[in-house]
Amino acid sequence: MTASNALKMSAANNGTETVAEIAARLAPGFAANAAKADEGDRFVADNYDALKAVGLVEAAVPVELGGRGAEIAELCDMIRIIAGSCGSTGLAFSMHTHQVAIPAWRWRHQKATAVEPLLKRIAAEKIVLLSSGGSDWIGGSGKAEKVDGGYRITARKVFTSGAEAGDLLMTGAILDGEPAKVLHFGVPMKAPEVSIVDTWRTLGMRGTGSNDVVVDGLVIPEANVALARNAGEWHPLFQVISIIAFPLIYAAYLGVAESARDIAIELAKKKPANPYAVSLAGRMDTSLRAAQLAHRHMVATTEKNAPSAASVNETMISRALVAKHAIEAVELAMELAGGAGFYRAAGLERRFRDVQGARFHPLQQGPQATYAGSMALGLPVDKVF
């Protein structure tokens, strides 16, 4: 049976399972696809087809709007389990999932009825959302020019995970002025002014298909601009984005680290035990537990439903700790496994490469420390990003 057929069979019966249980059922099929996608720099398209088939694309959409209504903790478990089998699938799908979870949170907690049409479309049409957060963040990128009835957009968005499978790119562009504004809107991926440039040749997470998306002269109607904010400054919406997106994104790296640990333990058990190996196993589990505890704090911060500069600080401190200890745990897993872990067939070296991506999402080490230090000293953080 091919990996693709196995995935189709796994997708056939989702019943009343939770989203995490569905993810666990799909995991073996995802794992079977992972090495080929990694070795060929190929997007995990079959895995995305399976995610659509079982209803995980709409996992975060409220039940009242046609979705599964999963909350942040369960969504994180879903991503963690997926990433344990295929890091690329977990990370790419975390980008779609957080773009759904953000409007779902706003609908629940801020009574933002304007997001209802999008959420209903996700549930009914199973559309996939893309994030350009890696190329935008607080500073924004791309150019918006005012034209009759709207704005002409020229931009190149890098790190667009899952670009091949996406229907709508949630992004923005900078409108010059005093001050310059970042306009936020959705870009239909099938528009003739939108193209994907195959640039994704990377150390790890090779199957995410995080290619560049080029927008060349697309006109966005004025009514389709969801938000205009000052460029280079924190906006309250980005406080919401931070406390929801980063627990989901870092659940993927946690899943990678947990699976690396399990592989290393199985390899180590095949050799005679010695005090050094026992110590390595203990250090590995200690580092992994630190990553797990930091991630739980991220989720707990989200569950307070109180976005603010302080909650961003808690999230970003936790994000730094998850990254540090997940990377450390995988490094120790490599050492514990010994030479056997150096072979691709074991799957450990792929996880070693994949987990390195945890370094590169905002807030990276320097800005994160500056943000935390500014909060501690009572200094402004509105332009620390």
Protein backbone atom coordinates (compact mmCIF):
# COMPACT_ATOMS: atom_id res chain seq x y z
CA MET A 1 0.00 0.00 0.00
CA THR A 2 1.37 3.44 -0.90
CA ALA A 3 1.69 6.20 1.67
CA SER A 4 -0.94 8.20 -0.24
CA ASN A 5 -3.46 5.33 -0.12
CA ALA A 6 -2.75 4.77 3.57
CA LEU A 7 -3.57 8.40 4.24
CA LYS A 8 -6.85 8.12 2.32
CA MET A 9 -7.86 5.12 4.40
CA SER A 10 -6.94 6.94 7.62
CA ALA A 11 -9.12 9.86 6.56
CA ALA A 12 -12.18 7.69 6.06
CA ASN A 13 -13.63 7.63 9.58
CA ASN A 14 -13.33 10.59 11.93
CA GLY A 15 -16.56 10.02 13.91
CA THR A 16 -16.53 11.88 17.20
CA GLU A 17 -12.76 11.93 17.66
CA THR A 18 -11.01 14.99 19.01
CA VAL A 19 -8.68 16.83 16.66
CA ALA A 20 -5.69 15.43 18.57
CA GLU A 21 -7.02 11.88 18.18
CA ILE A 22 -7.52 12.43 14.45
CA ALA A 23 -3.96 13.72 14.19
CA ALA A 24 -2.67 10.61 15.97
CA ARG A 25 -4.53 8.42 13.49
CA LEU A 26 -2.98 10.25 10.55
CA ALA A 27 0.53 10.34 12.02
CA PRO A 28 1.83 7.02 10.62
CA GLY A 29 0.90 8.04 7.09
CA PHE A 30 2.53 11.43 7.55
CA ALA A 31 5.68 9.75 8.83
CA ALA A 32 5.79 7.54 5.74
CA ASN A 33 5.78 10.64 3.50
CA ALA A 34 8.23 12.72 5.52
CA ALA A 35 11.57 11.43 4.26
CA LYS A 36 10.63 11.66 0.57
CA ALA A 37 9.40 15.23 0.96
CA ASP A 38 12.57 16.17 2.83
CA GLU A 39 14.96 14.54 0.37
CA GLY A 40 13.23 16.03 -2.67
CA ASP A 41 12.48 19.53 -1.29
CA ARG A 42 8.88 18.63 -2.07
CA PHE A 43 5.82 20.15 -0.42
CA VAL A 44 3.82 17.68 1.71
CA ALA A 45 0.79 17.90 -0.57
CA ASP A 46 -0.59 14.42 0.20
CA ASN A 47 -0.56 15.22 3.91
CA TYR A 48 -2.53 18.41 3.30
CA ASP A 49 -5.09 16.44 1.29
CA ALA A 50 -5.53 14.14 4.27
CA LEU A 51 -5.89 17.08 6.68
CA LYS A 52 -8.67 18.45 4.50
CA ALA A 53 -10.37 15.08 4.21
CA VAL A 54 -10.66 14.59 7.98
CA GLY A 55 -11.86 18.11 8.76
CA LEU A 56 -8.76 19.48 10.46
CA VAL A 57 -8.64 22.52 8.17
CA GLU A 58 -11.67 23.81 10.07
CA ALA A 59 -10.50 22.54 13.48
CA ALA A 60 -10.34 26.04 15.03
CA VAL A 61 -13.59 27.36 13.52
CA PRO A 62 -16.31 27.70 16.20
CA VAL A 63 -18.95 24.96 16.13
CA GLU A 64 -21.63 27.62 15.68
CA LEU A 65 -20.01 28.60 12.38
CA GLY A 66 -19.61 25.06 11.07
CA GLY A 67 -16.22 24.05 12.48
CA ARG A 68 -14.92 21.74 15.19
CA GLY A 69 -14.52 24.42 17.85
CA ALA A 70 -11.15 23.23 19.15
CA GLU A 71 -9.50 25.54 21.67
CA ILE A 72 -5.81 26.46 21.90
CA ALA A 73 -4.62 23.55 24.08
CA GLU A 74 -6.16 20.91 21.84
CA LEU A 75 -4.99 22.67 18.69
CA CYS A 76 -1.46 22.65 20.12
CA ASP A 77 -1.74 18.92 20.82
CA MET A 78 -2.90 18.40 17.24
CA ILE A 79 0.09 20.28 15.81
CA ARG A 80 2.54 18.61 18.21
CA ILE A 81 1.36 15.14 17.21
CA ILE A 82 1.49 15.95 13.49
CA ALA A 83 4.99 17.42 13.82
CA GLY A 84 6.20 14.37 15.71
CA SER A 85 5.55 12.35 12.56
CA CYS A 86 6.48 15.04 10.02
CA GLY A 87 7.93 18.33 11.20
CA SER A 88 7.24 20.05 7.88
CA THR A 89 3.56 19.15 7.93
CA GLY A 90 3.22 20.26 11.55
CA LEU A 91 4.94 23.60 11.03
CA ALA A 92 3.20 24.44 7.75
CA PHE A 93 -0.20 23.49 9.16
CA SER A 94 0.43 25.58 12.28
CA MET A 95 0.54 28.62 9.99
CA HIS A 96 -2.92 27.88 8.61
CA THR A 97 -4.23 26.91 12.04
CA HIS A 98 -3.16 30.12 13.75
CA GLN A 99 -4.64 32.21 10.95
CA VAL A 100 -7.97 30.49 11.68
CA ALA A 101 -7.61 30.52 15.47
CA ILE A 102 -7.04 34.29 15.57
CA PRO A 103 -10.39 35.33 14.00
CA ALA A 104 -12.09 32.53 15.95
CA TRP A 105 -10.71 34.00 19.18
CA ARG A 106 -11.84 37.48 18.15
CA TRP A 107 -15.32 36.15 17.34
CA ARG A 108 -15.59 34.47 20.74
CA HIS A 109 -13.96 37.06 22.98
CA GLN A 110 -14.24 40.39 21.15
CA LYS A 111 -17.62 39.81 19.44
CA ALA A 112 -15.93 40.60 16.10
CA THR A 113 -18.76 39.71 13.74
CA ALA A 114 -16.76 40.97 10.75
CA VAL A 115 -14.74 37.73 10.78
CA GLU A 116 -17.80 35.49 10.44
CA PRO A 117 -17.81 35.26 6.62
CA LEU A 118 -14.19 34.12 6.55
CA LEU A 119 -14.71 31.52 9.27
CA LYS A 120 -17.83 30.18 7.56
CA ARG A 121 -15.92 29.90 4.27
CA ILE A 122 -13.16 27.91 5.94
CA ALA A 123 -15.70 25.47 7.33
CA ALA A 124 -17.83 25.18 4.21
CA GLU A 125 -15.18 25.34 1.48
CA LYS A 126 -12.17 24.00 3.40
CA ILE A 127 -10.04 26.91 2.21
CA VAL A 128 -6.42 27.02 3.38
CA LEU A 129 -5.06 30.28 4.78
CA LEU A 130 -1.44 31.32 4.37
CA SER A 131 0.58 33.53 6.68
CA SER A 132 3.15 36.09 5.61
CA GLY A 133 4.17 36.78 9.20
CA GLY A 134 7.76 35.78 8.56
CA SER A 135 8.17 38.52 5.97
CA ASP A 136 5.96 41.14 7.62
CA TRP A 137 5.75 41.11 11.40
CA ILE A 138 5.53 44.54 13.06
CA GLY A 139 7.53 46.44 10.43
CA GLY A 140 5.47 45.28 7.47
CA SER A 141 6.69 44.79 3.90
CA GLY A 142 5.57 45.46 0.36
CA LYS A 143 4.10 48.60 -1.19
CA ALA A 144 0.52 49.86 -1.31
CA GLU A 145 -0.39 52.69 -3.71
CA LYS A 146 -3.73 54.48 -3.50
CA VAL A 147 -5.85 54.11 -6.65
CA ASP A 148 -9.52 54.72 -7.37
CA GLY A 149 -11.54 52.52 -5.03
CA GLY A 150 -8.62 50.78 -3.38
CA TYR A 151 -4.88 50.08 -3.32
CA ARG A 152 -2.46 48.59 -5.83
CA ILE A 153 -0.17 46.09 -4.11
CA THR A 154 3.39 45.22 -5.08
CA ALA A 155 5.15 42.81 -2.74
CA ARG A 156 7.30 39.72 -2.36
CA LYS A 157 6.41 37.64 0.68
CA VAL A 158 9.04 35.16 1.79
CA PHE A 159 8.63 32.14 4.10
CA THR A 160 5.04 31.56 2.93
CA SER A 161 4.61 28.05 4.31
CA GLY A 162 2.21 25.84 2.36
CA ALA A 163 2.03 28.34 -0.51
CA GLU A 164 1.21 25.60 -3.03
CA ALA A 165 -1.91 24.56 -1.10
CA GLY A 166 -3.11 28.02 -0.09
CA ASP A 167 -6.30 29.75 -1.13
CA LEU A 168 -5.97 33.06 0.70
CA LEU A 169 -2.77 34.83 1.83
CA MET A 170 -3.33 36.91 4.96
CA THR A 171 -0.84 39.72 4.53
CA GLY A 172 -0.25 43.45 4.33
CA ALA A 173 1.65 46.24 2.58
CA ILE A 174 3.01 49.64 3.53
CA LEU A 175 1.23 52.81 2.46
CA ASP A 176 3.63 55.76 2.51
CA GLY A 177 2.64 58.74 4.61
CA GLU A 178 3.23 60.50 7.90
CA PRO A 179 3.18 58.12 9.59
CA ALA A 180 3.49 55.21 7.18
CA LYS A 181 0.64 52.72 7.55
CA VAL A 182 0.53 48.96 7.16
CA LEU A 183 -2.70 47.88 5.48
CA HIS A 184 -3.93 44.34 6.21
CA PHE A 185 -5.97 42.29 3.74
CA GLY A 186 -6.36 38.87 2.16
CA VAL A 187 -4.82 38.04 -1.23
CA PRO A 188 -6.56 35.39 -3.36
CA MET A 189 -3.83 33.03 -4.48
CA LYS A 190 -5.53 32.32 -7.80
CA ALA A 191 -5.50 35.98 -8.86
CA PRO A 192 -3.49 36.49 -12.09
CA GLU A 193 -1.32 39.09 -10.34
CA VAL A 194 -0.15 36.49 -7.79
CA SER A 195 2.60 33.94 -8.41
CA ILE A 196 4.74 31.52 -6.41
CA VAL A 197 8.52 31.52 -6.86
CA ASP A 198 10.20 28.20 -6.03
CA THR A 199 12.94 29.36 -3.64
CA TRP A 200 12.66 26.91 -0.74
CA ARG A 201 16.04 25.11 -0.54
CA THR A 202 16.86 24.98 3.15
CA LEU A 203 18.64 23.23 6.01
CA GLY A 204 15.44 21.84 7.54
CA MET A 205 11.65 21.93 7.32
CA ARG A 206 12.16 21.26 3.61
CA GLY A 207 8.64 19.94 3.05
CA THR A 208 6.84 23.08 4.20
CA GLY A 209 6.92 24.56 0.71
CA SER A 210 7.68 27.97 2.23
CA ASN A 211 8.27 29.60 -1.13
CA ASP A 212 8.11 33.28 -2.03
CA VAL A 213 4.77 34.71 -3.09
CA VAL A 214 4.95 37.65 -5.49
CA VAL A 215 2.06 40.12 -5.74
CA ASP A 216 2.46 42.28 -8.84
CA GLY A 217 -0.11 45.06 -9.18
CA LEU A 218 -3.09 43.40 -7.53
CA VAL A 219 -5.77 45.97 -6.62
CA ILE A 220 -7.35 45.43 -3.22
CA PRO A 221 -10.70 47.21 -2.86
CA GLU A 222 -10.79 49.69 0.01
CA ALA A 223 -13.62 47.73 1.62
CA ASN A 224 -11.37 44.66 1.82
CA VAL A 225 -8.76 46.34 4.01
CA ALA A 226 -9.34 44.87 7.46
CA LEU A 227 -6.94 47.11 9.38
CA ALA A 228 -4.63 50.10 8.91
CA ARG A 229 -1.97 50.52 11.60
CA ASN A 230 1.23 52.49 12.11
CA ALA A 231 4.23 50.73 10.59
CA GLY A 232 6.93 49.67 13.03
CA GLU A 233 4.75 49.91 16.15
CA TRP A 234 2.91 47.27 18.16
CA HIS A 235 -0.84 47.33 17.65
CA PRO A 236 -3.38 45.62 19.95
CA LEU A 237 -4.20 43.14 17.19
CA PHE A 238 -0.59 41.96 17.23
CA GLN A 239 -0.89 41.26 20.93
CA VAL A 240 -3.77 38.92 20.06
CA ILE A 241 -1.76 37.40 17.22
CA SER A 242 1.25 36.78 19.47
CA ILE A 243 -0.53 34.96 22.27
CA ILE A 244 -2.39 32.70 19.81
CA ALA A 245 0.07 32.10 16.97
CA PHE A 246 3.24 31.28 18.89
CA PRO A 247 1.94 28.45 21.07
CA LEU A 248 0.76 26.77 17.85
CA ILE A 249 3.98 27.39 15.94
CA TYR A 250 6.16 26.18 18.80
CA ALA A 251 3.98 23.12 19.34
CA ALA A 252 5.51 21.94 16.06
CA TYR A 253 9.05 22.26 17.38
CA LEU A 254 8.07 20.57 20.62
CA GLY A 255 6.67 17.66 18.61
CA VAL A 256 9.91 17.39 16.66
CA ALA A 257 11.93 17.31 19.90
CA GLU A 258 9.65 14.70 21.52
CA SER A 259 9.93 12.39 18.53
CA ALA A 260 13.71 12.84 18.41
CA ARG A 261 13.88 11.79 22.04
CA ASP A 262 11.86 8.63 21.34
CA ILE A 263 14.07 7.67 18.38
CA ALA A 264 17.22 8.19 20.43
CA ILE A 265 15.93 6.07 23.30
CA GLU A 266 15.11 3.19 20.96
CA LEU A 267 18.56 3.38 19.35
CA ALA A 268 20.31 3.61 22.72
CA LYS A 269 18.46 0.53 24.02
CA LYS A 270 20.09 -1.54 21.27
CA LYS A 271 23.53 -0.97 22.80
CA PRO A 272 24.91 -2.00 26.19
CA ALA A 273 24.14 0.61 28.81
CA ASN A 274 27.00 2.69 30.19
CA PRO A 275 27.08 5.55 32.69
CA TYR A 276 27.71 8.16 30.01
CA ALA A 277 24.70 7.06 27.95
CA VAL A 278 22.51 7.01 31.06
CA SER A 279 23.60 10.55 31.87
CA LEU A 280 22.91 11.71 28.32
CA ALA A 281 19.42 10.22 28.47
CA GLY A 282 18.75 12.03 31.73
CA ARG A 283 20.03 15.36 30.41
CA MET A 284 17.95 14.92 27.25
CA ASP A 285 14.76 14.27 29.18
CA THR A 286 15.48 17.20 31.49
CA SER A 287 15.88 19.57 28.54
CA LEU A 288 12.76 18.20 26.91
CA ARG A 289 10.77 18.66 30.10
CA ALA A 290 11.92 22.27 30.28
CA ALA A 291 10.61 22.81 26.73
CA GLN A 292 7.31 21.14 27.61
CA LEU A 293 6.85 23.24 30.74
CA ALA A 294 7.65 26.45 28.87
CA HIS A 295 5.13 25.52 26.21
CA ARG A 296 2.47 24.83 28.83
CA HIS A 297 3.08 28.36 30.11
CA MET A 298 2.51 29.72 26.61
CA VAL A 299 -0.83 27.91 26.45
CA ALA A 300 -1.77 29.07 29.96
CA THR A 301 -1.01 32.67 28.95
CA THR A 302 -3.33 32.33 25.95
CA GLU A 303 -6.07 30.79 28.06
CA LYS A 304 -6.20 33.92 30.24
CA ASN A 305 -7.75 35.71 27.23
CA ALA A 306 -6.01 38.96 28.17
CA PRO A 307 -3.78 40.18 25.33
CA SER A 308 -1.43 42.95 26.45
CA ALA A 309 2.23 43.94 26.44
CA ALA A 310 2.65 41.80 29.56
CA SER A 311 1.08 38.72 27.95
CA VAL A 312 3.28 39.20 24.89
CA ASN A 313 6.28 39.24 27.21
CA GLU A 314 5.22 35.99 28.87
CA THR A 315 4.63 34.39 25.49
CA MET A 316 7.96 35.49 24.08
CA ILE A 317 9.95 34.45 27.15
CA SER A 318 8.31 31.03 26.85
CA ARG A 319 8.95 30.97 23.11
CA ALA A 320 12.67 31.54 23.78
CA LEU A 321 12.72 28.76 26.37
CA VAL A 322 10.90 26.27 24.14
CA ALA A 323 13.37 26.99 21.33
CA LYS A 324 16.44 26.73 23.53
CA HIS A 325 15.48 23.51 25.26
CA ALA A 326 13.92 21.80 22.23
CA ILE A 327 17.13 22.37 20.27
CA GLU A 328 19.21 21.22 23.23
CA ALA A 329 17.09 18.07 23.66
CA VAL A 330 17.55 17.11 20.00
CA GLU A 331 21.31 17.76 20.20
CA LEU A 332 21.49 15.42 23.19
CA ALA A 333 19.35 12.88 21.32
CA MET A 334 21.90 12.87 18.51
CA GLU A 335 24.72 12.30 20.96
CA LEU A 336 22.85 9.55 22.79
CA ALA A 337 22.03 7.74 19.55
CA GLY A 338 25.64 7.78 18.47
CA GLY A 339 26.64 6.94 14.92
CA ALA A 340 23.32 5.24 14.19
CA GLY A 341 21.59 8.61 14.46
CA PHE A 342 23.79 10.01 11.70
CA TYR A 343 22.05 7.84 9.09
CA ARG A 344 19.02 9.37 7.36
CA ALA A 345 17.10 6.13 7.73
CA ALA A 346 16.79 6.66 11.49
CA GLY A 347 14.93 9.96 11.00
CA LEU A 348 16.92 11.62 13.76
CA GLU A 349 19.18 13.80 11.62
CA ARG A 350 16.10 15.21 9.86
CA ARG A 351 14.66 16.20 13.20
CA PHE A 352 18.01 17.73 14.16
CA ARG A 353 17.79 19.92 11.04
CA ASP A 354 14.08 20.67 11.43
CA VAL A 355 14.33 21.86 15.02
CA GLN A 356 16.86 24.54 14.03
CA GLY A 357 13.97 26.54 12.59
CA ALA A 358 12.90 27.34 16.14
CA ARG A 359 15.64 30.00 16.19
CA PHE A 360 14.19 32.16 13.47
CA HIS A 361 10.61 33.16 14.31
CA PRO A 362 9.93 36.46 16.07
CA LEU A 363 10.85 37.56 18.60
CA GLN A 364 14.36 36.32 17.95
CA GLN A 365 16.93 36.23 20.72
CA GLY A 366 18.05 39.88 20.64
CA PRO A 367 14.64 41.58 20.35
CA GLN A 368 13.11 39.13 22.83
CA ALA A 369 15.71 39.93 25.48
CA THR A 370 15.31 43.66 24.80
CA TYR A 371 11.52 43.37 25.15
CA ALA A 372 11.78 41.41 28.41
CA GLY A 373 14.42 43.79 29.80
CA SER A 374 12.37 46.83 28.86
CA MET A 375 9.33 45.38 30.60
CA ALA A 376 11.40 44.64 33.71
CA LEU A 377 12.80 48.19 33.82
CA GLY A 378 9.52 49.93 33.02
CA LEU A 379 10.70 51.15 29.61
CA PRO A 380 8.54 51.44 26.47
CA VAL A 381 8.15 48.32 24.32
CA ASP A 382 5.88 49.68 21.58
CA LYS A 383 8.75 49.70 19.04
CA VAL A 384 10.66 46.62 20.24
CA PHE A 385 10.15 43.84 17.72
